């Protein structure tokens, strides 16, 4: 934007200095990174994008519009795959049962709970806990914890899971705090 404004505002030779700024900005786009995990703000769908460039989603029936938007955002052409239903089968380090899923990413254990019954065990064993149901109490000793209330306050969450750090971006955090938008962000989220 700065390069375009520079090009439009100036009349003579200095205006052409806006072109290198525009080229530099476009060259930096591929280095921005892609989120490893995306959780719908209404807890209807969770998507994992692996290093192979494929996307696995928790459901192929719900939140189809959001999943298609995530595919476009991540530049994934292939149709998303459903999460494994058999607890004995792990697909791309993802293992699921009726209560939730465990995904190993960058040496971290990400627990995704579909049911309140899985939360106690997930809080003990997971590095990152995502609960698609309301959590009655917060997980202690985890790197990051997101529950149904955090999703309601912050909207869709994108997680960038790395070796030493987990970065979480939310829709509310990205659009900022404006007078016409209620401030529902949670300060309770734990980050490392």
N, C-alpha and C. Protein backbone atom coordinates (compact mmCIF):
# COMPACT_ATOMS: atom_id res chain seq x y z
N UNK A 1 0.83 -1.19 0.00
CA UNK A 1 0.00 0.00 0.00
C UNK A 1 0.87 1.24 0.00
N UNK A 2 1.93 1.22 0.81
CA UNK A 2 2.83 2.37 0.87
C UNK A 2 3.48 2.61 -0.49
N UNK A 3 3.91 1.55 -1.16
CA UNK A 3 4.52 1.69 -2.48
C UNK A 3 3.55 2.25 -3.50
N UNK A 4 2.30 1.80 -3.45
CA UNK A 4 1.28 2.30 -4.38
C UNK A 4 0.97 3.76 -4.12
N UNK A 5 0.85 4.12 -2.84
CA UNK A 5 0.61 5.53 -2.51
C UNK A 5 1.78 6.42 -2.97
N UNK A 6 2.99 5.95 -2.75
CA UNK A 6 4.17 6.72 -3.16
C UNK A 6 4.14 6.94 -4.67
N UNK A 7 3.80 5.88 -5.40
CA UNK A 7 3.73 5.95 -6.85
C UNK A 7 2.63 6.91 -7.31
N UNK A 8 1.53 6.94 -6.60
CA UNK A 8 0.39 7.77 -7.00
C UNK A 8 0.56 9.24 -6.60
N UNK A 9 1.21 9.49 -5.46
CA UNK A 9 1.30 10.86 -4.96
C UNK A 9 2.34 11.70 -5.70
N UNK A 10 3.51 11.13 -5.91
CA UNK A 10 4.59 11.92 -6.51
C UNK A 10 4.41 12.03 -8.02
N UNK A 11 4.94 13.12 -8.59
CA UNK A 11 4.75 13.40 -10.00
C UNK A 11 5.99 13.09 -10.85
N UNK A 12 7.16 13.22 -10.29
CA UNK A 12 8.38 13.11 -11.10
C UNK A 12 9.13 11.83 -10.81
N UNK A 13 10.45 11.87 -10.98
CA UNK A 13 11.29 10.70 -10.84
C UNK A 13 11.19 9.98 -9.49
N UNK A 14 11.06 10.68 -8.35
CA UNK A 14 11.00 9.95 -7.08
C UNK A 14 9.81 8.98 -6.98
N UNK A 15 8.81 9.17 -7.81
CA UNK A 15 7.65 8.30 -7.75
C UNK A 15 8.01 6.85 -8.04
N UNK A 16 9.03 6.60 -8.86
CA UNK A 16 9.39 5.24 -9.24
C UNK A 16 10.02 4.45 -8.08
N UNK A 17 10.35 5.13 -6.98
CA UNK A 17 10.86 4.43 -5.80
C UNK A 17 9.78 3.59 -5.12
N UNK A 18 8.54 3.83 -5.47
CA UNK A 18 7.45 3.03 -4.92
C UNK A 18 7.42 1.61 -5.47
N UNK A 19 7.96 1.41 -6.65
CA UNK A 19 7.95 0.08 -7.27
C UNK A 19 8.80 -0.92 -6.49
N UNK A 20 10.04 -0.60 -6.09
CA UNK A 20 10.80 -1.58 -5.30
C UNK A 20 10.12 -1.92 -3.96
N UNK A 21 9.43 -0.96 -3.38
CA UNK A 21 8.71 -1.24 -2.13
C UNK A 21 7.59 -2.24 -2.38
N UNK A 22 6.88 -2.09 -3.48
CA UNK A 22 5.80 -3.02 -3.82
C UNK A 22 6.35 -4.42 -4.11
N UNK A 23 7.48 -4.49 -4.84
CA UNK A 23 8.08 -5.79 -5.15
C UNK A 23 8.55 -6.48 -3.89
N UNK A 24 9.17 -5.73 -2.96
CA UNK A 24 9.63 -6.30 -1.69
C UNK A 24 8.45 -6.85 -0.89
N UNK A 25 7.35 -6.11 -0.83
CA UNK A 25 6.18 -6.56 -0.08
C UNK A 25 5.62 -7.86 -0.67
N UNK A 26 5.56 -7.95 -1.99
CA UNK A 26 5.05 -9.17 -2.63
C UNK A 26 6.01 -10.34 -2.44
N UNK A 27 7.32 -10.06 -2.38
CA UNK A 27 8.30 -11.14 -2.19
C UNK A 27 8.22 -11.72 -0.78
N UNK A 28 7.77 -10.94 0.19
CA UNK A 28 7.70 -11.41 1.58
C UNK A 28 6.44 -12.22 1.88
N UNK A 29 5.46 -12.21 1.01
CA UNK A 29 4.19 -12.91 1.26
C UNK A 29 4.39 -14.42 1.50
N UNK A 30 5.21 -15.14 0.70
CA UNK A 30 5.34 -16.59 0.96
C UNK A 30 5.98 -16.92 2.30
N UNK A 31 6.71 -16.00 2.91
CA UNK A 31 7.39 -16.27 4.17
C UNK A 31 6.52 -16.00 5.39
N UNK A 32 5.27 -15.63 5.17
CA UNK A 32 4.37 -15.32 6.26
C UNK A 32 4.01 -16.54 7.09
N UNK A 33 4.00 -17.69 6.49
CA UNK A 33 3.69 -18.92 7.22
C UNK A 33 2.21 -19.25 7.17
N UNK A 34 1.92 -20.53 7.39
CA UNK A 34 0.54 -21.01 7.38
C UNK A 34 0.20 -21.57 8.75
N UNK A 35 -1.02 -21.36 9.19
CA UNK A 35 -1.39 -21.96 10.48
C UNK A 35 -1.45 -23.48 10.37
N UNK A 36 -1.06 -24.14 11.45
CA UNK A 36 -1.12 -25.60 11.49
C UNK A 36 -2.53 -26.09 11.79
N UNK A 37 -3.28 -25.30 12.56
CA UNK A 37 -4.59 -25.73 13.03
C UNK A 37 -5.53 -24.53 13.04
N UNK A 38 -6.74 -24.71 12.55
CA UNK A 38 -7.75 -23.65 12.53
C UNK A 38 -9.01 -24.20 13.20
N UNK A 39 -9.57 -23.42 14.13
CA UNK A 39 -10.78 -23.83 14.84
C UNK A 39 -11.87 -22.81 14.56
N UNK A 40 -13.00 -23.28 14.09
CA UNK A 40 -14.15 -22.43 13.79
C UNK A 40 -14.64 -21.73 15.06
N UNK A 41 -15.03 -20.48 14.94
CA UNK A 41 -15.48 -19.70 16.08
C UNK A 41 -16.73 -20.23 16.75
N UNK A 42 -17.50 -21.06 16.06
CA UNK A 42 -18.69 -21.66 16.66
C UNK A 42 -18.47 -23.12 17.02
N UNK A 43 -17.20 -23.55 16.99
CA UNK A 43 -16.79 -24.91 17.38
C UNK A 43 -17.46 -25.98 16.54
N UNK A 44 -17.73 -25.68 15.29
CA UNK A 44 -18.35 -26.66 14.41
C UNK A 44 -17.33 -27.47 13.64
N UNK A 45 -16.16 -26.90 13.37
CA UNK A 45 -15.15 -27.60 12.58
C UNK A 45 -13.75 -27.21 13.03
N UNK A 46 -12.85 -28.17 12.90
CA UNK A 46 -11.43 -27.96 13.18
C UNK A 46 -10.68 -28.50 11.98
N UNK A 47 -9.69 -27.76 11.52
CA UNK A 47 -8.89 -28.19 10.36
C UNK A 47 -7.43 -28.21 10.73
N UNK A 48 -6.74 -29.23 10.23
CA UNK A 48 -5.30 -29.36 10.42
C UNK A 48 -4.67 -29.37 9.04
N UNK A 49 -3.69 -28.50 8.85
CA UNK A 49 -2.95 -28.52 7.58
C UNK A 49 -1.56 -29.05 7.87
N UNK A 50 -1.25 -30.14 7.22
CA UNK A 50 0.02 -30.81 7.46
C UNK A 50 1.10 -30.36 6.50
N UNK A 51 2.28 -30.86 6.69
CA UNK A 51 3.40 -30.48 5.82
C UNK A 51 3.25 -30.99 4.39
N UNK A 52 2.37 -31.96 4.18
CA UNK A 52 2.16 -32.50 2.84
C UNK A 52 1.29 -31.60 1.97
N UNK A 53 0.71 -30.56 2.55
CA UNK A 53 -0.14 -29.65 1.79
C UNK A 53 -1.58 -30.10 1.73
N UNK A 54 -1.94 -31.12 2.50
CA UNK A 54 -3.32 -31.57 2.56
C UNK A 54 -3.98 -31.05 3.82
N UNK A 55 -5.29 -30.98 3.79
CA UNK A 55 -6.05 -30.52 4.94
C UNK A 55 -6.94 -31.65 5.45
N UNK A 56 -6.91 -31.85 6.76
CA UNK A 56 -7.81 -32.80 7.40
C UNK A 56 -8.78 -31.99 8.25
N UNK A 57 -10.06 -32.33 8.17
CA UNK A 57 -11.08 -31.61 8.92
C UNK A 57 -11.86 -32.57 9.81
N UNK A 58 -12.36 -32.02 10.90
CA UNK A 58 -13.09 -32.83 11.87
C UNK A 58 -14.41 -33.34 11.31
N UNK A 59 -15.00 -32.61 10.39
CA UNK A 59 -16.26 -33.01 9.78
C UNK A 59 -16.32 -32.51 8.35
N UNK A 60 -16.91 -33.31 7.49
CA UNK A 60 -17.09 -32.89 6.10
C UNK A 60 -18.49 -32.35 5.86
N UNK A 61 -19.37 -32.43 6.89
CA UNK A 61 -20.76 -32.02 6.72
C UNK A 61 -21.04 -30.63 7.28
N UNK A 62 -20.41 -30.26 8.38
CA UNK A 62 -20.72 -28.98 9.03
C UNK A 62 -19.68 -27.94 8.63
N UNK A 63 -20.07 -26.68 8.66
CA UNK A 63 -19.19 -25.53 8.40
C UNK A 63 -18.46 -25.66 7.06
N UNK A 64 -19.16 -26.09 6.05
CA UNK A 64 -18.54 -26.28 4.73
C UNK A 64 -18.02 -24.97 4.14
N UNK A 65 -18.76 -23.88 4.35
CA UNK A 65 -18.32 -22.58 3.83
C UNK A 65 -17.00 -22.18 4.46
N UNK A 66 -16.87 -22.34 5.79
CA UNK A 66 -15.64 -21.98 6.48
C UNK A 66 -14.47 -22.85 6.01
N UNK A 67 -14.71 -24.13 5.83
CA UNK A 67 -13.65 -25.03 5.38
C UNK A 67 -13.17 -24.63 3.99
N UNK A 68 -14.10 -24.27 3.10
CA UNK A 68 -13.70 -23.81 1.77
C UNK A 68 -12.89 -22.52 1.86
N UNK A 69 -13.27 -21.62 2.74
CA UNK A 69 -12.51 -20.38 2.93
C UNK A 69 -11.10 -20.68 3.44
N UNK A 70 -10.99 -21.62 4.36
CA UNK A 70 -9.67 -22.00 4.88
C UNK A 70 -8.82 -22.60 3.78
N UNK A 71 -9.41 -23.42 2.93
CA UNK A 71 -8.66 -24.01 1.81
C UNK A 71 -8.11 -22.92 0.90
N UNK A 72 -8.92 -21.93 0.59
CA UNK A 72 -8.44 -20.82 -0.26
C UNK A 72 -7.35 -20.05 0.45
N UNK A 73 -7.52 -19.79 1.73
CA UNK A 73 -6.53 -19.05 2.51
C UNK A 73 -5.18 -19.76 2.51
N UNK A 74 -5.20 -21.09 2.64
CA UNK A 74 -3.98 -21.87 2.72
C UNK A 74 -3.45 -22.29 1.36
N UNK A 75 -4.21 -22.02 0.31
CA UNK A 75 -3.79 -22.40 -1.03
C UNK A 75 -3.80 -23.89 -1.27
N UNK A 76 -4.78 -24.58 -0.72
CA UNK A 76 -4.89 -26.03 -0.86
C UNK A 76 -5.95 -26.34 -1.90
N UNK A 77 -5.55 -27.04 -2.95
CA UNK A 77 -6.48 -27.39 -4.02
C UNK A 77 -7.22 -28.70 -3.76
N UNK A 78 -6.54 -29.64 -3.12
CA UNK A 78 -7.13 -30.96 -2.88
C UNK A 78 -8.30 -30.87 -1.91
N UNK A 79 -9.27 -31.75 -2.10
CA UNK A 79 -10.41 -31.80 -1.18
C UNK A 79 -9.92 -32.22 0.20
N UNK A 80 -10.53 -31.65 1.25
CA UNK A 80 -10.12 -32.03 2.59
C UNK A 80 -10.50 -33.47 2.92
N UNK A 81 -9.72 -34.07 3.78
CA UNK A 81 -9.99 -35.43 4.23
C UNK A 81 -10.60 -35.38 5.62
N UNK A 82 -11.45 -36.34 5.91
CA UNK A 82 -12.06 -36.43 7.24
C UNK A 82 -11.05 -37.04 8.22
N UNK A 83 -11.20 -36.69 9.49
CA UNK A 83 -10.33 -37.24 10.51
C UNK A 83 -10.59 -38.73 10.67
N UNK A 84 -9.58 -39.49 11.08
CA UNK A 84 -9.79 -40.93 11.25
C UNK A 84 -10.80 -41.22 12.35
N UNK A 85 -11.68 -42.18 12.11
CA UNK A 85 -12.70 -42.54 13.09
C UNK A 85 -12.26 -43.68 13.99
N UNK A 86 -11.31 -44.47 13.53
CA UNK A 86 -10.83 -45.62 14.28
C UNK A 86 -9.70 -45.19 15.22
N UNK A 87 -9.85 -45.40 16.54
CA UNK A 87 -8.81 -44.97 17.48
C UNK A 87 -7.48 -45.71 17.30
N UNK A 88 -7.50 -46.83 16.60
CA UNK A 88 -6.27 -47.60 16.37
C UNK A 88 -5.47 -47.06 15.19
N UNK A 89 -6.09 -46.21 14.37
CA UNK A 89 -5.44 -45.70 13.17
C UNK A 89 -5.02 -44.25 13.38
N UNK A 90 -3.76 -43.96 13.10
CA UNK A 90 -3.26 -42.58 13.14
C UNK A 90 -2.95 -42.14 11.71
N UNK A 91 -3.49 -41.00 11.32
CA UNK A 91 -3.25 -40.45 10.00
C UNK A 91 -2.56 -39.10 10.18
N UNK A 92 -1.33 -38.99 9.66
CA UNK A 92 -0.54 -37.77 9.81
C UNK A 92 -0.44 -37.34 11.27
N UNK A 93 -0.09 -38.28 12.13
CA UNK A 93 0.09 -38.04 13.57
C UNK A 93 -1.20 -37.60 14.27
N UNK A 94 -2.35 -37.91 13.71
CA UNK A 94 -3.65 -37.58 14.30
C UNK A 94 -4.38 -38.88 14.63
N UNK A 95 -4.78 -39.00 15.90
CA UNK A 95 -5.50 -40.18 16.37
C UNK A 95 -6.77 -39.69 17.08
N UNK A 96 -7.91 -40.26 16.72
CA UNK A 96 -9.19 -39.80 17.27
C UNK A 96 -9.99 -40.96 17.85
N UNK A 97 -10.84 -40.62 18.83
CA UNK A 97 -11.86 -41.53 19.33
C UNK A 97 -13.14 -40.72 19.49
N UNK A 98 -14.13 -41.27 20.16
CA UNK A 98 -15.42 -40.57 20.27
C UNK A 98 -15.37 -39.33 21.16
N UNK A 99 -14.37 -39.25 22.05
CA UNK A 99 -14.29 -38.11 22.96
C UNK A 99 -13.42 -36.97 22.45
N UNK A 100 -12.52 -37.27 21.52
CA UNK A 100 -11.64 -36.23 21.01
C UNK A 100 -10.49 -36.79 20.21
N UNK A 101 -9.51 -35.94 19.94
CA UNK A 101 -8.35 -36.32 19.13
C UNK A 101 -7.06 -35.85 19.78
N UNK A 102 -5.99 -36.54 19.44
CA UNK A 102 -4.64 -36.15 19.84
C UNK A 102 -3.84 -36.00 18.55
N UNK A 103 -3.17 -34.87 18.43
CA UNK A 103 -2.35 -34.60 17.25
C UNK A 103 -0.96 -34.19 17.71
N UNK A 104 0.04 -34.83 17.16
CA UNK A 104 1.42 -34.49 17.47
C UNK A 104 1.93 -33.52 16.41
N UNK A 105 2.35 -32.33 16.84
CA UNK A 105 2.83 -31.30 15.92
C UNK A 105 4.06 -30.65 16.51
N UNK A 106 5.15 -30.69 15.79
CA UNK A 106 6.40 -30.05 16.20
C UNK A 106 6.81 -30.50 17.61
N UNK A 107 6.65 -31.77 17.89
CA UNK A 107 7.02 -32.30 19.19
C UNK A 107 6.07 -31.95 20.32
N UNK A 108 4.94 -31.38 20.00
CA UNK A 108 3.95 -31.00 21.00
C UNK A 108 2.69 -31.84 20.83
N UNK A 109 2.06 -32.08 21.96
CA UNK A 109 0.83 -32.88 21.96
C UNK A 109 -0.36 -31.93 22.03
N UNK A 110 -1.14 -31.90 20.95
CA UNK A 110 -2.32 -31.04 20.86
C UNK A 110 -3.54 -31.93 21.10
N UNK A 111 -4.28 -31.64 22.16
CA UNK A 111 -5.48 -32.41 22.51
C UNK A 111 -6.71 -31.61 22.11
N UNK A 112 -7.60 -32.24 21.36
CA UNK A 112 -8.83 -31.60 20.92
C UNK A 112 -9.98 -32.39 21.53
N UNK A 113 -10.71 -31.77 22.45
CA UNK A 113 -11.77 -32.45 23.19
C UNK A 113 -13.13 -32.14 22.57
N UNK A 114 -13.88 -33.21 22.25
CA UNK A 114 -15.25 -33.06 21.76
C UNK A 114 -16.25 -33.17 22.90
N UNK A 115 -15.82 -33.72 24.02
CA UNK A 115 -16.70 -34.02 25.13
C UNK A 115 -16.02 -33.60 26.43
N UNK A 116 -16.83 -33.17 27.39
CA UNK A 116 -16.30 -32.74 28.68
C UNK A 116 -15.57 -33.87 29.42
N UNK A 117 -15.94 -35.10 29.14
CA UNK A 117 -15.32 -36.24 29.81
C UNK A 117 -13.84 -36.39 29.45
N UNK A 118 -13.43 -35.85 28.33
CA UNK A 118 -12.03 -35.97 27.89
C UNK A 118 -11.14 -34.87 28.46
N UNK A 119 -11.72 -33.82 29.00
CA UNK A 119 -10.94 -32.66 29.42
C UNK A 119 -9.94 -32.94 30.52
N UNK A 120 -10.30 -33.68 31.52
CA UNK A 120 -9.40 -33.91 32.65
C UNK A 120 -8.12 -34.61 32.18
N UNK A 121 -8.29 -35.65 31.37
CA UNK A 121 -7.13 -36.38 30.86
C UNK A 121 -6.32 -35.51 29.89
N UNK A 122 -7.01 -34.74 29.04
CA UNK A 122 -6.31 -33.88 28.08
C UNK A 122 -5.51 -32.80 28.78
N UNK A 123 -6.03 -32.25 29.86
CA UNK A 123 -5.31 -31.21 30.60
C UNK A 123 -4.04 -31.76 31.25
N UNK A 124 -4.08 -33.03 31.64
CA UNK A 124 -2.90 -33.65 32.25
C UNK A 124 -1.83 -33.98 31.21
N UNK A 125 -2.24 -34.45 30.05
CA UNK A 125 -1.27 -34.99 29.11
C UNK A 125 -0.97 -34.08 27.91
N UNK A 126 -1.77 -33.07 27.67
CA UNK A 126 -1.57 -32.25 26.47
C UNK A 126 -0.72 -31.02 26.73
N UNK A 127 0.01 -30.60 25.71
CA UNK A 127 0.73 -29.33 25.75
C UNK A 127 -0.19 -28.18 25.37
N UNK A 128 -1.08 -28.46 24.42
CA UNK A 128 -2.07 -27.48 23.96
C UNK A 128 -3.42 -28.18 24.01
N UNK A 129 -4.41 -27.55 24.64
CA UNK A 129 -5.73 -28.16 24.79
C UNK A 129 -6.76 -27.25 24.12
N UNK A 130 -7.54 -27.86 23.22
CA UNK A 130 -8.63 -27.16 22.55
C UNK A 130 -9.90 -27.91 22.89
N UNK A 131 -10.81 -27.24 23.56
CA UNK A 131 -12.07 -27.85 23.97
C UNK A 131 -13.21 -27.24 23.16
N UNK A 132 -13.91 -28.08 22.43
CA UNK A 132 -15.03 -27.61 21.64
C UNK A 132 -16.30 -27.51 22.47
N UNK A 133 -16.19 -27.84 23.74
CA UNK A 133 -17.28 -27.69 24.70
C UNK A 133 -16.81 -26.73 25.79
N UNK A 134 -17.74 -26.10 26.51
CA UNK A 134 -17.31 -25.20 27.59
C UNK A 134 -16.53 -25.95 28.67
N UNK A 135 -15.42 -25.37 29.07
CA UNK A 135 -14.61 -25.96 30.15
C UNK A 135 -15.04 -25.31 31.46
N UNK A 136 -15.36 -26.10 32.44
CA UNK A 136 -15.81 -25.57 33.74
C UNK A 136 -14.65 -25.01 34.56
N UNK A 137 -13.44 -25.51 34.27
CA UNK A 137 -12.25 -24.96 34.93
C UNK A 137 -11.11 -24.95 33.93
N UNK A 138 -10.13 -24.08 34.17
CA UNK A 138 -9.01 -23.93 33.26
C UNK A 138 -7.98 -25.03 33.46
N UNK A 139 -7.31 -25.40 32.38
CA UNK A 139 -6.23 -26.37 32.46
C UNK A 139 -4.99 -25.69 33.04
N UNK A 140 -4.36 -26.34 33.98
CA UNK A 140 -3.15 -25.82 34.59
C UNK A 140 -1.94 -26.53 33.98
N UNK A 141 -0.89 -25.80 33.73
CA UNK A 141 0.35 -26.38 33.26
C UNK A 141 0.41 -26.69 31.78
N UNK A 142 -0.49 -26.16 30.99
CA UNK A 142 -0.43 -26.36 29.55
C UNK A 142 0.08 -25.08 28.89
N UNK A 143 0.64 -25.22 27.69
CA UNK A 143 1.16 -24.05 26.98
C UNK A 143 0.05 -23.12 26.50
N UNK A 144 -1.05 -23.71 26.05
CA UNK A 144 -2.18 -22.91 25.58
C UNK A 144 -3.46 -23.72 25.78
N UNK A 145 -4.52 -23.03 26.17
CA UNK A 145 -5.82 -23.68 26.36
C UNK A 145 -6.89 -22.79 25.75
N UNK A 146 -7.71 -23.40 24.90
CA UNK A 146 -8.81 -22.69 24.24
C UNK A 146 -10.06 -23.51 24.48
N UNK A 147 -11.11 -22.87 25.00
CA UNK A 147 -12.36 -23.60 25.18
C UNK A 147 -13.47 -22.93 24.37
N UNK A 148 -14.66 -23.45 24.50
CA UNK A 148 -15.80 -22.97 23.73
C UNK A 148 -16.08 -21.48 23.99
N UNK A 149 -15.87 -21.02 25.22
CA UNK A 149 -16.08 -19.61 25.53
C UNK A 149 -15.04 -18.73 24.85
N UNK A 150 -13.78 -19.17 24.79
CA UNK A 150 -12.74 -18.42 24.08
C UNK A 150 -13.08 -18.31 22.60
N UNK A 151 -13.61 -19.38 22.02
CA UNK A 151 -14.01 -19.35 20.62
C UNK A 151 -15.15 -18.37 20.40
N UNK A 152 -16.09 -18.34 21.34
CA UNK A 152 -17.21 -17.41 21.23
C UNK A 152 -16.71 -15.96 21.31
N UNK A 153 -15.79 -15.69 22.22
CA UNK A 153 -15.28 -14.32 22.39
C UNK A 153 -14.36 -13.89 21.25
N UNK A 154 -13.48 -14.78 20.83
CA UNK A 154 -12.45 -14.41 19.88
C UNK A 154 -12.73 -14.77 18.44
N UNK A 155 -13.77 -15.55 18.19
CA UNK A 155 -14.04 -15.99 16.83
C UNK A 155 -13.10 -17.12 16.43
N UNK A 156 -12.96 -17.32 15.15
CA UNK A 156 -12.11 -18.38 14.64
C UNK A 156 -10.67 -18.17 15.13
N UNK A 157 -10.04 -19.27 15.55
CA UNK A 157 -8.67 -19.24 16.05
C UNK A 157 -7.76 -19.95 15.05
N UNK A 158 -6.60 -19.37 14.79
CA UNK A 158 -5.56 -20.01 13.97
C UNK A 158 -4.35 -20.22 14.87
N UNK A 159 -3.86 -21.45 14.91
CA UNK A 159 -2.71 -21.79 15.75
C UNK A 159 -1.51 -22.11 14.87
N UNK A 160 -0.40 -21.48 15.20
CA UNK A 160 0.88 -21.74 14.56
C UNK A 160 1.71 -22.48 15.60
N UNK A 161 1.81 -23.79 15.47
CA UNK A 161 2.49 -24.61 16.47
C UNK A 161 3.92 -24.81 16.02
N UNK A 162 4.86 -24.34 16.85
CA UNK A 162 6.28 -24.49 16.55
C UNK A 162 6.99 -25.23 17.66
N UNK A 163 8.28 -25.46 17.48
CA UNK A 163 9.07 -26.19 18.46
C UNK A 163 9.08 -25.49 19.82
N UNK A 164 9.37 -24.20 19.84
CA UNK A 164 9.50 -23.52 21.11
C UNK A 164 8.35 -22.61 21.48
N UNK A 165 7.42 -22.38 20.55
CA UNK A 165 6.40 -21.38 20.81
C UNK A 165 5.13 -21.72 20.04
N UNK A 166 4.00 -21.35 20.61
CA UNK A 166 2.71 -21.48 19.94
C UNK A 166 2.13 -20.08 19.80
N UNK A 167 1.85 -19.69 18.57
CA UNK A 167 1.23 -18.38 18.33
C UNK A 167 -0.23 -18.61 17.98
N UNK A 168 -1.10 -17.83 18.63
CA UNK A 168 -2.53 -17.94 18.40
C UNK A 168 -3.05 -16.61 17.87
N UNK A 169 -3.74 -16.67 16.74
CA UNK A 169 -4.37 -15.48 16.18
C UNK A 169 -5.88 -15.71 16.17
N UNK A 170 -6.63 -14.67 16.48
CA UNK A 170 -8.09 -14.76 16.48
C UNK A 170 -8.67 -13.73 15.53
N UNK A 171 -9.89 -13.96 15.11
CA UNK A 171 -10.57 -13.00 14.26
C UNK A 171 -10.73 -11.67 14.98
N UNK A 172 -11.16 -11.71 16.23
CA UNK A 172 -11.33 -10.48 17.00
C UNK A 172 -10.01 -9.74 17.17
N UNK A 173 -8.94 -10.46 17.41
CA UNK A 173 -7.64 -9.84 17.56
C UNK A 173 -7.14 -9.20 16.28
N UNK A 174 -7.46 -9.78 15.13
CA UNK A 174 -7.01 -9.24 13.86
C UNK A 174 -7.83 -8.03 13.41
N UNK A 175 -9.11 -8.02 13.71
CA UNK A 175 -9.91 -6.89 13.26
C UNK A 175 -9.80 -5.70 14.19
N UNK A 176 -9.24 -5.92 15.38
CA UNK A 176 -9.01 -4.81 16.30
C UNK A 176 -10.23 -4.48 17.13
N UNK A 177 -10.06 -3.49 17.97
CA UNK A 177 -11.13 -3.06 18.85
C UNK A 177 -11.69 -1.75 18.33
N UNK A 178 -12.90 -1.81 17.85
CA UNK A 178 -13.56 -0.64 17.32
C UNK A 178 -14.78 -0.35 18.17
N UNK A 179 -15.23 0.88 18.21
CA UNK A 179 -16.36 1.22 19.08
C UNK A 179 -17.63 0.43 18.78
N UNK A 180 -17.84 0.03 17.55
CA UNK A 180 -19.07 -0.68 17.20
C UNK A 180 -18.96 -2.20 17.38
N UNK A 181 -17.78 -2.69 17.81
CA UNK A 181 -17.58 -4.13 18.03
C UNK A 181 -17.46 -4.37 19.53
N UNK A 182 -18.29 -5.24 20.11
CA UNK A 182 -18.17 -5.50 21.55
C UNK A 182 -16.82 -6.13 21.87
N UNK A 183 -16.23 -5.72 22.98
CA UNK A 183 -14.94 -6.23 23.41
C UNK A 183 -15.16 -7.51 24.20
N UNK A 184 -15.00 -8.64 23.52
CA UNK A 184 -15.25 -9.93 24.14
C UNK A 184 -13.99 -10.77 24.27
N UNK A 185 -12.81 -10.18 23.99
CA UNK A 185 -11.58 -10.97 24.01
C UNK A 185 -11.27 -11.44 25.43
N UNK A 186 -10.62 -12.57 25.49
CA UNK A 186 -10.29 -13.18 26.77
C UNK A 186 -8.84 -12.94 27.12
N UNK A 187 -8.59 -12.43 28.31
CA UNK A 187 -7.23 -12.28 28.80
C UNK A 187 -6.76 -13.50 29.54
N UNK A 188 -7.64 -14.50 29.63
CA UNK A 188 -7.31 -15.70 30.41
C UNK A 188 -6.44 -16.66 29.63
N UNK A 189 -6.34 -16.50 28.31
CA UNK A 189 -5.61 -17.47 27.48
C UNK A 189 -4.16 -17.53 27.89
N UNK A 190 -3.66 -18.72 27.99
CA UNK A 190 -2.26 -18.91 28.35
C UNK A 190 -1.45 -19.06 27.07
N UNK A 191 -0.28 -18.39 27.03
CA UNK A 191 0.58 -18.49 25.86
C UNK A 191 2.01 -18.69 26.31
N UNK A 192 2.75 -19.30 25.44
CA UNK A 192 4.19 -19.44 25.68
C UNK A 192 4.92 -19.05 24.44
